[in-house]
Amino acid sequence: MANAVIWFYPSSTTGLVEIDLGEGLSDLQVDPIREVEDARSYDGTLYRSVLSGREKVRIVLDRFTDAALAAKLETLQSHLDRGGSISFCADKDKAWAGFSNTSLVSETVIPTEGNAFTAYNDSAALAAGDVMCVESVNPEAIREFVSVDAVAAADLEVTAQSSILYEFTILPVLARFRDFWPVLQLPAGQMGRSIVTHDHRISYTLDMALETNPATIAALATGGADSLGSAGEDTGQGGSDSLDDQDSGSSGVGGGALFGSDKFTDHLPKGG
């Protein structure tokens, strides 16, 4: 198993930065978040409207002694505080995610466009026994976890050990290694709290709770080169509204073609 790694763009003029945590995580906790509204009829029947969904991802690395790593993570906090996104994988060798344009229900074979994040690690690959998350974006926001049986055709086709249960109607869906998140952001509730603490600067602890941003993934999957062009600069602040208007500076995505040579890595929100 490779080390846990963070990737991000500090600014619109800075290239991709990789922070290798130097080891595996001490803890990784994932909680589903759903925005819903409930109503009940006179006989008690529940009616639920599901508005949106995302995940909360808590990343913990306890008591490491690398002061240089601590400084990099403290620097990262400025990017997160300003609304910038990061990508994270608990195992760099598994930083694999691709899109599928099929509903997948009852299927075991998942056709994809291949790994959209080869700039992170061009040798990253899934293998038999790995757990994969197949998910659609809001408002459907379905997530299904399946174990990989085999990978074929240059990573363009993944076979699951069991049939897909859900019918995904919002396409394309994202198929990714379970512990790889292409877009994570710091929610407002975590502001004012350091992501790195220390014991007399002898040992350090990374503890940050981030949230996914399905809207950015949706824009990257459907916008293509036309709506995700390189015009304008991103501040890294705000969400992913006005994705077709790169001059707004608040789109939350960068430039470049979706499935071009730089794949997804050019589209992550950048700090200003």
C-alpha atoms as a PDB file:
ATOM      1  CA  MET A   1       0.000   0.000   0.000  1.00  0.00           C
ATOM      2  CA  ALA A   2       1.330   3.410  -0.994  1.00  0.00           C
ATOM      3  CA  ASN A   3       1.210   6.584   1.077  1.00  0.00           C
ATOM      4  CA  ALA A   4      -1.794   8.852   1.484  1.00  0.00           C
ATOM      5  CA  VAL A   5      -1.508  11.900  -0.795  1.00  0.00           C
ATOM      6  CA  ILE A   6      -3.144  15.325  -1.279  1.00  0.00           C
ATOM      7  CA  TRP A   7      -3.145  17.224  -4.595  1.00  0.00           C
ATOM      8  CA  PHE A   8      -4.138  20.851  -5.161  1.00  0.00           C
ATOM      9  CA  TYR A   9      -3.532  24.007  -7.208  1.00  0.00           C
ATOM     10  CA  PRO A  10      -2.466  26.932  -4.959  1.00  0.00           C
ATOM     11  CA  SER A  11      -3.183  29.590  -7.598  1.00  0.00           C
ATOM     12  CA  SER A  12      -4.126  30.082 -11.220  1.00  0.00           C
ATOM     13  CA  THR A  13      -0.452  30.399 -12.159  1.00  0.00           C
ATOM     14  CA  THR A  14       0.919  27.581 -10.011  1.00  0.00           C
ATOM     15  CA  GLY A  15       1.173  24.015 -11.205  1.00  0.00           C
ATOM     16  CA  LEU A  16      -0.154  20.960  -9.478  1.00  0.00           C
ATOM     17  CA  VAL A  17       1.198  20.492  -5.941  1.00  0.00           C
ATOM     18  CA  GLU A  18       1.430  17.080  -4.319  1.00  0.00           C
ATOM     19  CA  ILE A  19       1.666  16.597  -0.557  1.00  0.00           C
ATOM     20  CA  ASP A  20       2.785  13.077   0.277  1.00  0.00           C
ATOM     21  CA  LEU A  21       1.835  12.308   3.876  1.00  0.00           C
ATOM     22  CA  GLY A  22       4.702   9.826   4.091  1.00  0.00           C
ATOM     23  CA  GLU A  23       2.607   6.950   5.441  1.00  0.00           C
ATOM     24  CA  GLY A  24      -0.883   5.571   5.659  1.00  0.00           C
ATOM     25  CA  LEU A  25      -3.576   7.382   7.614  1.00  0.00           C
ATOM     26  CA  SER A  26      -4.261   6.859  11.298  1.00  0.00           C
ATOM     27  CA  ASP A  27      -7.992   7.118  10.665  1.00  0.00           C
ATOM     28  CA  LEU A  28     -10.410   7.793   7.830  1.00  0.00           C
ATOM     29  CA  GLN A  29     -14.106   8.308   8.563  1.00  0.00           C
ATOM     30  CA  VAL A  30     -16.792   8.927   5.950  1.00  0.00           C
ATOM     31  CA  ASP A  31     -20.316  10.102   6.765  1.00  0.00           C
ATOM     32  CA  PRO A  32     -23.123  10.530   4.223  1.00  0.00           C
ATOM     33  CA  ILE A  33     -24.940  13.883   4.261  1.00  0.00           C
ATOM     34  CA  ARG A  34     -28.453  14.317   2.860  1.00  0.00           C
ATOM     35  CA  GLU A  35     -30.507  17.482   2.603  1.00  0.00           C
ATOM     36  CA  VAL A  36     -34.142  16.342   2.856  1.00  0.00           C
ATOM     37  CA  GLU A  37     -37.585  17.689   3.643  1.00  0.00           C
ATOM     38  CA  ASP A  38     -40.196  15.442   5.241  1.00  0.00           C
ATOM     39  CA  ALA A  39     -43.949  15.767   5.415  1.00  0.00           C
ATOM     40  CA  ARG A  40     -46.565  13.428   6.865  1.00  0.00           C
ATOM     41  CA  SER A  41     -50.185  12.973   5.902  1.00  0.00           C
ATOM     42  CA  TYR A  42     -53.028  12.713   8.419  1.00  0.00           C
ATOM     43  CA  ASP A  43     -52.618   8.928   8.569  1.00  0.00           C
ATOM     44  CA  GLY A  44     -48.882   9.193   9.287  1.00  0.00           C
ATOM     45  CA  THR A  45     -47.578   8.356   5.813  1.00  0.00           C
ATOM     46  CA  LEU A  46     -44.111   9.799   5.293  1.00  0.00           C
ATOM     47  CA  TYR A  47     -43.354  11.827   2.165  1.00  0.00           C
ATOM     48  CA  ARG A  48     -39.704  12.704   1.668  1.00  0.00           C
ATOM     49  CA  SER A  49     -38.143  15.105  -0.815  1.00  0.00           C
ATOM     50  CA  VAL A  50     -34.415  14.522  -1.264  1.00  0.00           C
ATOM     51  CA  LEU A  51     -32.779  17.797  -2.224  1.00  0.00           C
ATOM     52  CA  SER A  52     -29.096  16.907  -2.405  1.00  0.00           C
ATOM     53  CA  GLY A  53     -26.403  14.652  -1.035  1.00  0.00           C
ATOM     54  CA  ARG A  54     -22.679  14.644  -0.398  1.00  0.00           C
ATOM     55  CA  GLU A  55     -20.087  13.066   1.879  1.00  0.00           C
ATOM     56  CA  LYS A  56     -18.150  14.283   4.899  1.00  0.00           C
ATOM     57  CA  VAL A  57     -14.610  12.897   4.911  1.00  0.00           C
ATOM     58  CA  ARG A  58     -12.496  13.102   8.079  1.00  0.00           C
ATOM     59  CA  ILE A  59      -8.775  12.606   7.453  1.00  0.00           C
ATOM     60  CA  VAL A  60      -6.514  11.938  10.448  1.00  0.00           C
ATOM     61  CA  LEU A  61      -2.745  11.415  10.654  1.00  0.00           C
ATOM     62  CA  ASP A  62      -1.620  11.136  14.271  1.00  0.00           C
ATOM     63  CA  ARG A  63       1.639  12.180  15.860  1.00  0.00           C
ATOM     64  CA  PHE A  64       3.953  12.476  12.886  1.00  0.00           C
ATOM     65  CA  THR A  65       7.328  14.176  13.445  1.00  0.00           C
ATOM     66  CA  ASP A  66       8.077  15.630  10.016  1.00  0.00           C
ATOM     67  CA  ALA A  67       8.133  19.409  10.639  1.00  0.00           C
ATOM     68  CA  ALA A  68       8.437  20.128   6.912  1.00  0.00           C
ATOM     69  CA  LEU A  69       5.250  18.148   6.250  1.00  0.00           C
ATOM     70  CA  ALA A  70       3.492  20.070   9.017  1.00  0.00           C
ATOM     71  CA  ALA A  71       4.462  23.357   7.351  1.00  0.00           C
ATOM     72  CA  LYS A  72       3.081  22.178   3.995  1.00  0.00           C
ATOM     73  CA  LEU A  73      -0.222  21.245   5.622  1.00  0.00           C
ATOM     74  CA  GLU A  74      -0.404  24.551   7.488  1.00  0.00           C
ATOM     75  CA  THR A  75       0.126  26.287   4.153  1.00  0.00           C
ATOM     76  CA  LEU A  76      -2.634  24.157   2.634  1.00  0.00           C
ATOM     77  CA  GLN A  77      -5.085  25.540   5.185  1.00  0.00           C
ATOM     78  CA  SER A  78      -5.069  28.982   3.516  1.00  0.00           C
ATOM     79  CA  HIS A  79      -6.199  27.344   0.271  1.00  0.00           C
ATOM     80  CA  LEU A  80      -8.968  25.453   2.049  1.00  0.00           C
ATOM     81  CA  ASP A  81     -10.103  28.448   4.098  1.00  0.00           C
ATOM     82  CA  ARG A  82     -10.613  30.446   0.904  1.00  0.00           C
ATOM     83  CA  GLY A  83     -12.871  27.792  -0.626  1.00  0.00           C
ATOM     84  CA  GLY A  84     -10.252  25.976  -2.681  1.00  0.00           C
ATOM     85  CA  SER A  85     -10.593  22.279  -3.448  1.00  0.00           C
ATOM     86  CA  ILE A  86      -8.181  19.422  -3.019  1.00  0.00           C
ATOM     87  CA  SER A  87      -8.043  15.861  -4.259  1.00  0.00           C
ATOM     88  CA  PHE A  88      -7.185  13.142  -1.769  1.00  0.00           C
ATOM     89  CA  CYS A  89      -6.410   9.438  -1.944  1.00  0.00           C
ATOM     90  CA  ALA A  90      -5.599   7.191   0.999  1.00  0.00           C
ATOM     91  CA  ASP A  91      -3.371   5.135  -1.316  1.00  0.00           C
ATOM     92  CA  LYS A  92      -1.565   6.935  -4.158  1.00  0.00           C
ATOM     93  CA  ASP A  93      -1.358   3.745  -6.203  1.00  0.00           C
ATOM     94  CA  LYS A  94      -5.182   3.619  -6.219  1.00  0.00           C
ATOM     95  CA  ALA A  95      -5.859   7.220  -7.338  1.00  0.00           C
ATOM     96  CA  TRP A  96      -8.190   5.994 -10.066  1.00  0.00           C
ATOM     97  CA  ALA A  97     -11.568   7.391 -11.138  1.00  0.00           C
ATOM     98  CA  GLY A  98     -13.398   7.340 -14.441  1.00  0.00           C
ATOM     99  CA  PHE A  99     -16.817   8.027 -15.936  1.00  0.00           C
ATOM    100  CA  SER A 100     -19.384   5.601 -17.280  1.00  0.00           C
ATOM    101  CA  ASN A 101     -22.281   6.551 -19.550  1.00  0.00           C
ATOM    102  CA  THR A 102     -24.481   3.544 -18.818  1.00  0.00           C
ATOM    103  CA  SER A 103     -27.211   3.072 -16.200  1.00  0.00           C
ATOM    104  CA  LEU A 104     -25.423  -0.112 -15.011  1.00  0.00           C
ATOM    105  CA  VAL A 105     -28.418  -1.698 -13.258  1.00  0.00           C
ATOM    106  CA  SER A 106     -28.047  -5.511 -13.064  1.00  0.00           C
ATOM    107  CA  GLU A 107     -24.685  -5.296 -14.849  1.00  0.00           C
ATOM    108  CA  THR A 108     -21.316  -6.493 -13.576  1.00  0.00           C
ATOM    109  CA  VAL A 109     -19.238  -4.864 -16.319  1.00  0.00           C
ATOM    110  CA  ILE A 110     -18.654  -1.119 -15.916  1.00  0.00           C
ATOM    111  CA  PRO A 111     -17.360   0.534 -19.116  1.00  0.00           C
ATOM    112  CA  THR A 112     -15.444   3.778 -18.498  1.00  0.00           C
ATOM    113  CA  GLU A 113     -13.388   6.434 -20.260  1.00  0.00           C
ATOM    114  CA  GLY A 114     -10.355   5.241 -18.284  1.00  0.00           C
ATOM    115  CA  ASN A 115      -8.637   6.998 -15.420  1.00  0.00           C
ATOM    116  CA  ALA A 116      -9.347  10.732 -15.619  1.00  0.00           C
ATOM    117  CA  PHE A 117      -6.558  11.546 -13.135  1.00  0.00           C
ATOM    118  CA  THR A 118      -3.435  10.175 -14.756  1.00  0.00           C
ATOM    119  CA  ALA A 119      -1.586  13.420 -13.967  1.00  0.00           C
ATOM    120  CA  TYR A 120      -1.704  12.424 -10.302  1.00  0.00           C
ATOM    121  CA  ASN A 121      -0.232   8.993 -10.900  1.00  0.00           C
ATOM    122  CA  ASP A 122      -0.189   7.562 -14.407  1.00  0.00           C
ATOM    123  CA  SER A 123       0.381   4.065 -13.043  1.00  0.00           C
ATOM    124  CA  ALA A 124      -2.555   4.107 -10.619  1.00  0.00           C
ATOM    125  CA  ALA A 125      -4.851   1.151 -11.190  1.00  0.00           C
ATOM    126  CA  LEU A 126      -7.605  -0.879  -9.630  1.00  0.00           C
ATOM    127  CA  ALA A 127      -7.048  -4.558  -8.894  1.00  0.00           C
ATOM    128  CA  ALA A 128      -9.143  -7.561  -7.944  1.00  0.00           C
ATOM    129  CA  GLY A 129     -10.415  -7.212  -4.399  1.00  0.00           C
ATOM    130  CA  ASP A 130     -10.402  -3.393  -4.346  1.00  0.00           C
ATOM    131  CA  VAL A 131     -13.644  -1.731  -3.276  1.00  0.00           C
ATOM    132  CA  MET A 132     -15.012   0.778  -5.767  1.00  0.00           C
ATOM    133  CA  CYS A 133     -17.662   3.464  -5.294  1.00  0.00           C
ATOM    134  CA  VAL A 134     -20.059   4.074  -8.186  1.00  0.00           C
ATOM    135  CA  GLU A 135     -21.938   7.337  -7.709  1.00  0.00           C
ATOM    136  CA  SER A 136     -24.198   9.761  -9.498  1.00  0.00           C
ATOM    137  CA  VAL A 137     -24.481  13.476  -8.849  1.00  0.00           C
ATOM    138  CA  ASN A 138     -27.352  15.507  -7.393  1.00  0.00           C
ATOM    139  CA  PRO A 139     -30.256  15.421  -7.222  1.00  0.00           C
ATOM    140  CA  GLU A 140     -30.099  11.628  -7.588  1.00  0.00           C
ATOM    141  CA  ALA A 141     -26.917  11.203  -5.527  1.00  0.00           C
ATOM    142  CA  ILE A 142     -26.824   7.416  -5.462  1.00  0.00           C
ATOM    143  CA  ARG A 143     -23.719   5.646  -4.164  1.00  0.00           C
ATOM    144  CA  GLU A 144     -23.083   1.931  -4.506  1.00  0.00           C
ATOM    145  CA  PHE A 145     -20.017   0.063  -3.289  1.00  0.00           C
ATOM    146  CA  VAL A 146     -18.825  -3.028  -5.128  1.00  0.00           C
ATOM    147  CA  SER A 147     -15.690  -5.154  -5.061  1.00  0.00           C
ATOM    148  CA  VAL A 148     -13.578  -5.382  -8.194  1.00  0.00           C
ATOM    149  CA  ASP A 149     -13.306  -8.777  -9.838  1.00  0.00           C
ATOM    150  CA  ALA A 150     -11.111  -7.824 -12.805  1.00  0.00           C
ATOM    151  CA  VAL A 151      -9.891  -4.867 -14.848  1.00  0.00           C
ATOM    152  CA  ALA A 152      -9.465  -5.185 -18.606  1.00  0.00           C
ATOM    153  CA  ALA A 153      -8.910  -3.232 -21.822  1.00  0.00           C
ATOM    154  CA  ALA A 154      -6.359  -0.730 -20.529  1.00  0.00           C
ATOM    155  CA  ASP A 155      -8.501   0.212 -17.511  1.00  0.00           C
ATOM    156  CA  LEU A 156     -11.471   0.992 -19.762  1.00  0.00           C
ATOM    157  CA  GLU A 157     -13.589  -1.829 -18.397  1.00  0.00           C
ATOM    158  CA  VAL A 158     -14.011  -2.839 -14.746  1.00  0.00           C
ATOM    159  CA  THR A 159     -15.825  -6.023 -13.770  1.00  0.00           C
ATOM    160  CA  ALA A 160     -17.488  -6.115 -10.353  1.00  0.00           C
ATOM    161  CA  GLN A 161     -17.850  -9.233  -8.234  1.00  0.00           C
ATOM    162  CA  SER A 162     -21.607  -8.623  -7.950  1.00  0.00           C
ATOM    163  CA  SER A 163     -24.270  -7.018 -10.109  1.00  0.00           C
ATOM    164  CA  ILE A 164     -25.063  -3.329  -9.714  1.00  0.00           C
ATOM    165  CA  LEU A 165     -28.269  -2.933  -7.704  1.00  0.00           C
ATOM    166  CA  TYR A 166     -29.262   0.643  -8.508  1.00  0.00           C
ATOM    167  CA  GLU A 167     -30.331   2.143 -11.800  1.00  0.00           C
ATOM    168  CA  PHE A 168     -28.349   5.324 -12.356  1.00  0.00           C
ATOM    169  CA  THR A 169     -30.422   7.772 -14.360  1.00  0.00           C
ATOM    170  CA  ILE A 170     -28.197  10.861 -14.210  1.00  0.00           C
ATOM    171  CA  LEU A 171     -25.251  10.141 -16.465  1.00  0.00           C
ATOM    172  CA  PRO A 172     -22.371   9.881 -16.590  1.00  0.00           C
ATOM    173  CA  VAL A 173     -21.702   8.245 -13.235  1.00  0.00           C
ATOM    174  CA  LEU A 174     -18.335   8.396 -11.519  1.00  0.00           C
ATOM    175  CA  ALA A 175     -16.612   5.107 -10.694  1.00  0.00           C
ATOM    176  CA  ARG A 176     -13.693   5.579  -8.294  1.00  0.00           C
ATOM    177  CA  PHE A 177     -11.526   3.768  -5.802  1.00  0.00           C
ATOM    178  CA  ARG A 178     -13.475   3.958  -2.526  1.00  0.00           C
ATOM    179  CA  ASP A 179     -10.867   6.082  -0.718  1.00  0.00           C
ATOM    180  CA  PHE A 180     -10.165   8.505  -3.581  1.00  0.00           C
ATOM    181  CA  TRP A 181     -12.073  11.801  -3.654  1.00  0.00           C
ATOM    182  CA  PRO A 182     -11.400  14.103  -6.635  1.00  0.00           C
ATOM    183  CA  VAL A 183     -13.004  17.184  -5.050  1.00  0.00           C
ATOM    184  CA  LEU A 184     -13.012  17.982  -1.324  1.00  0.00           C
ATOM    185  CA  GLN A 185     -13.606  21.348   0.327  1.00  0.00           C
ATOM    186  CA  LEU A 186     -13.567  22.739   3.855  1.00  0.00           C
ATOM    187  CA  PRO A 187     -17.118  23.556   5.038  1.00  0.00           C
ATOM    188  CA  ALA A 188     -17.916  26.793   6.852  1.00  0.00           C
ATOM    189  CA  GLY A 189     -18.411  24.947  10.127  1.00  0.00           C
ATOM    190  CA  GLN A 190     -14.710  24.043  10.186  1.00  0.00           C
ATOM    191  CA  MET A 191     -13.479  27.620   9.821  1.00  0.00           C
ATOM    192  CA  GLY A 192     -11.392  29.003  12.683  1.00  0.00           C
ATOM    193  CA  ARG A 193      -9.982  25.585  13.539  1.00  0.00           C
ATOM    194  CA  SER A 194      -6.441  24.565  12.629  1.00  0.00           C
ATOM    195  CA  ILE A 195      -6.147  21.387  10.597  1.00  0.00           C
ATOM    196  CA  VAL A 196      -2.717  20.769  12.181  1.00  0.00           C
ATOM    197  CA  THR A 197      -2.115  20.638  15.931  1.00  0.00           C
ATOM    198  CA  HIS A 198       1.125  19.844  17.744  1.00  0.00           C
ATOM    199  CA  ASP A 199       2.709  18.769  21.010  1.00  0.00           C
ATOM    200  CA  HIS A 200       5.406  21.397  21.641  1.00  0.00           C
ATOM    201  CA  ARG A 201       6.226  21.083  17.925  1.00  0.00           C
ATOM    202  CA  ILE A 202       7.782  17.697  18.649  1.00  0.00           C
ATOM    203  CA  SER A 203       4.962  15.740  17.067  1.00  0.00           C
ATOM    204  CA  TYR A 204       2.057  16.907  14.901  1.00  0.00           C
ATOM    205  CA  THR A 205      -1.452  15.710  14.109  1.00  0.00           C
ATOM    206  CA  LEU A 206      -3.451  16.354  10.939  1.00  0.00           C
ATOM    207  CA  ASP A 207      -7.194  16.266  11.550  1.00  0.00           C
ATOM    208  CA  MET A 208      -9.492  17.793   8.935  1.00  0.00           C
ATOM    209  CA  ALA A 209     -13.135  17.201   8.081  1.00  0.00           C
ATOM    210  CA  LEU A 210     -13.891  18.024   4.449  1.00  0.00           C
ATOM    211  CA  GLU A 211     -16.947  17.673   2.243  1.00  0.00           C
ATOM    212  CA  THR A 212     -17.392  16.543  -1.331  1.00  0.00           C
ATOM    213  CA  ASN A 213     -18.726  18.874  -4.028  1.00  0.00           C
ATOM    214  CA  PRO A 214     -20.956  16.889  -6.422  1.00  0.00           C
ATOM    215  CA  ALA A 215     -21.760  20.003  -8.480  1.00  0.00           C
ATOM    216  CA  THR A 216     -18.136  20.384  -9.535  1.00  0.00           C
ATOM    217  CA  ILE A 217     -17.948  16.723 -10.546  1.00  0.00           C
ATOM    218  CA  ALA A 218     -21.180  17.156 -12.541  1.00  0.00           C
ATOM    219  CA  ALA A 219     -19.773  20.162 -14.365  1.00  0.00           C
ATOM    220  CA  LEU A 220     -16.538  18.389 -15.204  1.00  0.00           C
ATOM    221  CA  ALA A 221     -18.402  15.366 -16.502  1.00  0.00           C
ATOM    222  CA  THR A 222     -20.905  17.194 -18.684  1.00  0.00           C
ATOM    223  CA  GLY A 223     -19.322  20.541 -19.569  1.00  0.00           C
ATOM    224  CA  GLY A 224     -16.478  19.332 -21.723  1.00  0.00           C
ATOM    225  CA  ALA A 225     -13.908  21.600 -23.341  1.00  0.00           C
ATOM    226  CA  ASP A 226     -16.374  24.294 -24.408  1.00  0.00           C
ATOM    227  CA  SER A 227     -17.715  25.173 -20.964  1.00  0.00           C
ATOM    228  CA  LEU A 228     -14.463  24.429 -19.151  1.00  0.00           C
ATOM    229  CA  GLY A 229     -12.173  26.502 -21.344  1.00  0.00           C
ATOM    230  CA  SER A 230      -9.140  28.354 -20.067  1.00  0.00           C
ATOM    231  CA  ALA A 231     -10.624  31.855 -20.336  1.00  0.00           C
ATOM    232  CA  GLY A 232     -10.549  33.810 -17.106  1.00  0.00           C
ATOM    233  CA  GLU A 233      -9.089  32.781 -13.779  1.00  0.00           C
ATOM    234  CA  ASP A 234     -10.564  31.029 -10.785  1.00  0.00           C
ATOM    235  CA  THR A 235     -10.430  32.417  -7.295  1.00  0.00           C
ATOM    236  CA  GLY A 236     -11.013  29.058  -5.702  1.00  0.00           C
ATOM    237  CA  GLN A 237     -13.873  30.626  -3.757  1.00  0.00           C
ATOM    238  CA  GLY A 238     -17.536  29.801  -3.897  1.00  0.00           C
ATOM    239  CA  GLY A 239     -19.252  26.815  -5.427  1.00  0.00           C
ATOM    240  CA  SER A 240     -19.612  25.682  -8.997  1.00  0.00           C
ATOM    241  CA  ASP A 241     -22.284  28.021 -10.283  1.00  0.00           C
ATOM    242  CA  SER A 242     -21.900  29.784 -13.635  1.00  0.00           C
ATOM    243  CA  LEU A 243     -19.651  27.045 -14.910  1.00  0.00           C
ATOM    244  CA  ASP A 244     -20.155  28.203 -18.453  1.00  0.00           C
ATOM    245  CA  ASP A 245     -18.914  31.680 -17.539  1.00  0.00           C
ATOM    246  CA  GLN A 246     -15.245  31.366 -16.715  1.00  0.00           C
ATOM    247  CA  ASP A 247     -14.894  35.148 -16.515  1.00  0.00           C
ATOM    248  CA  SER A 248     -17.015  35.176 -13.363  1.00  0.00           C
ATOM    249  CA  GLY A 249     -14.012  33.989 -11.367  1.00  0.00           C
ATOM    250  CA  SER A 250     -16.223  31.983  -8.999  1.00  0.00           C
ATOM    251  CA  SER A 251     -16.945  28.895 -10.989  1.00  0.00           C
ATOM    252  CA  GLY A 252     -14.840  26.625  -8.838  1.00  0.00           C
ATOM    253  CA  VAL A 253     -13.247  24.962 -11.860  1.00  0.00           C
ATOM    254  CA  GLY A 254     -10.251  25.709 -14.015  1.00  0.00           C
ATOM    255  CA  GLY A 255      -9.507  25.458 -17.701  1.00  0.00           C
ATOM    256  CA  GLY A 256      -8.597  22.777 -20.173  1.00  0.00           C
ATOM    257  CA  ALA A 257     -10.387  19.960 -21.943  1.00  0.00           C
ATOM    258  CA  LEU A 258     -12.071  17.350 -19.775  1.00  0.00           C
ATOM    259  CA  PHE A 259     -10.568  14.333 -21.472  1.00  0.00           C
ATOM    260  CA  GLY A 260      -7.556  16.120 -22.937  1.00  0.00           C
ATOM    261  CA  SER A 261      -3.941  15.440 -22.076  1.00  0.00           C
ATOM    262  CA  ASP A 262      -4.287  17.095 -18.657  1.00  0.00           C
ATOM    263  CA  LYS A 263      -7.569  15.341 -17.882  1.00  0.00           C
ATOM    264  CA  PHE A 264      -9.267  16.528 -14.687  1.00  0.00           C
ATOM    265  CA  THR A 265      -6.295  18.022 -12.955  1.00  0.00           C
ATOM    266  CA  ASP A 266      -6.552  21.396 -14.697  1.00  0.00           C
ATOM    267  CA  HIS A 267     -10.142  21.852 -13.552  1.00  0.00           C
ATOM    268  CA  LEU A 268      -9.732  21.892  -9.795  1.00  0.00           C
ATOM    269  CA  PRO A 269     -10.536  25.164  -8.047  1.00  0.00           C
ATOM    270  CA  LYS A 270      -7.444  27.284  -7.646  1.00  0.00           C
ATOM    271  CA  GLY A 271      -6.623  29.842  -5.012  1.00  0.00           C
ATOM    272  CA  GLY A 272      -6.334  33.446  -6.073  1.00  0.00           C
END
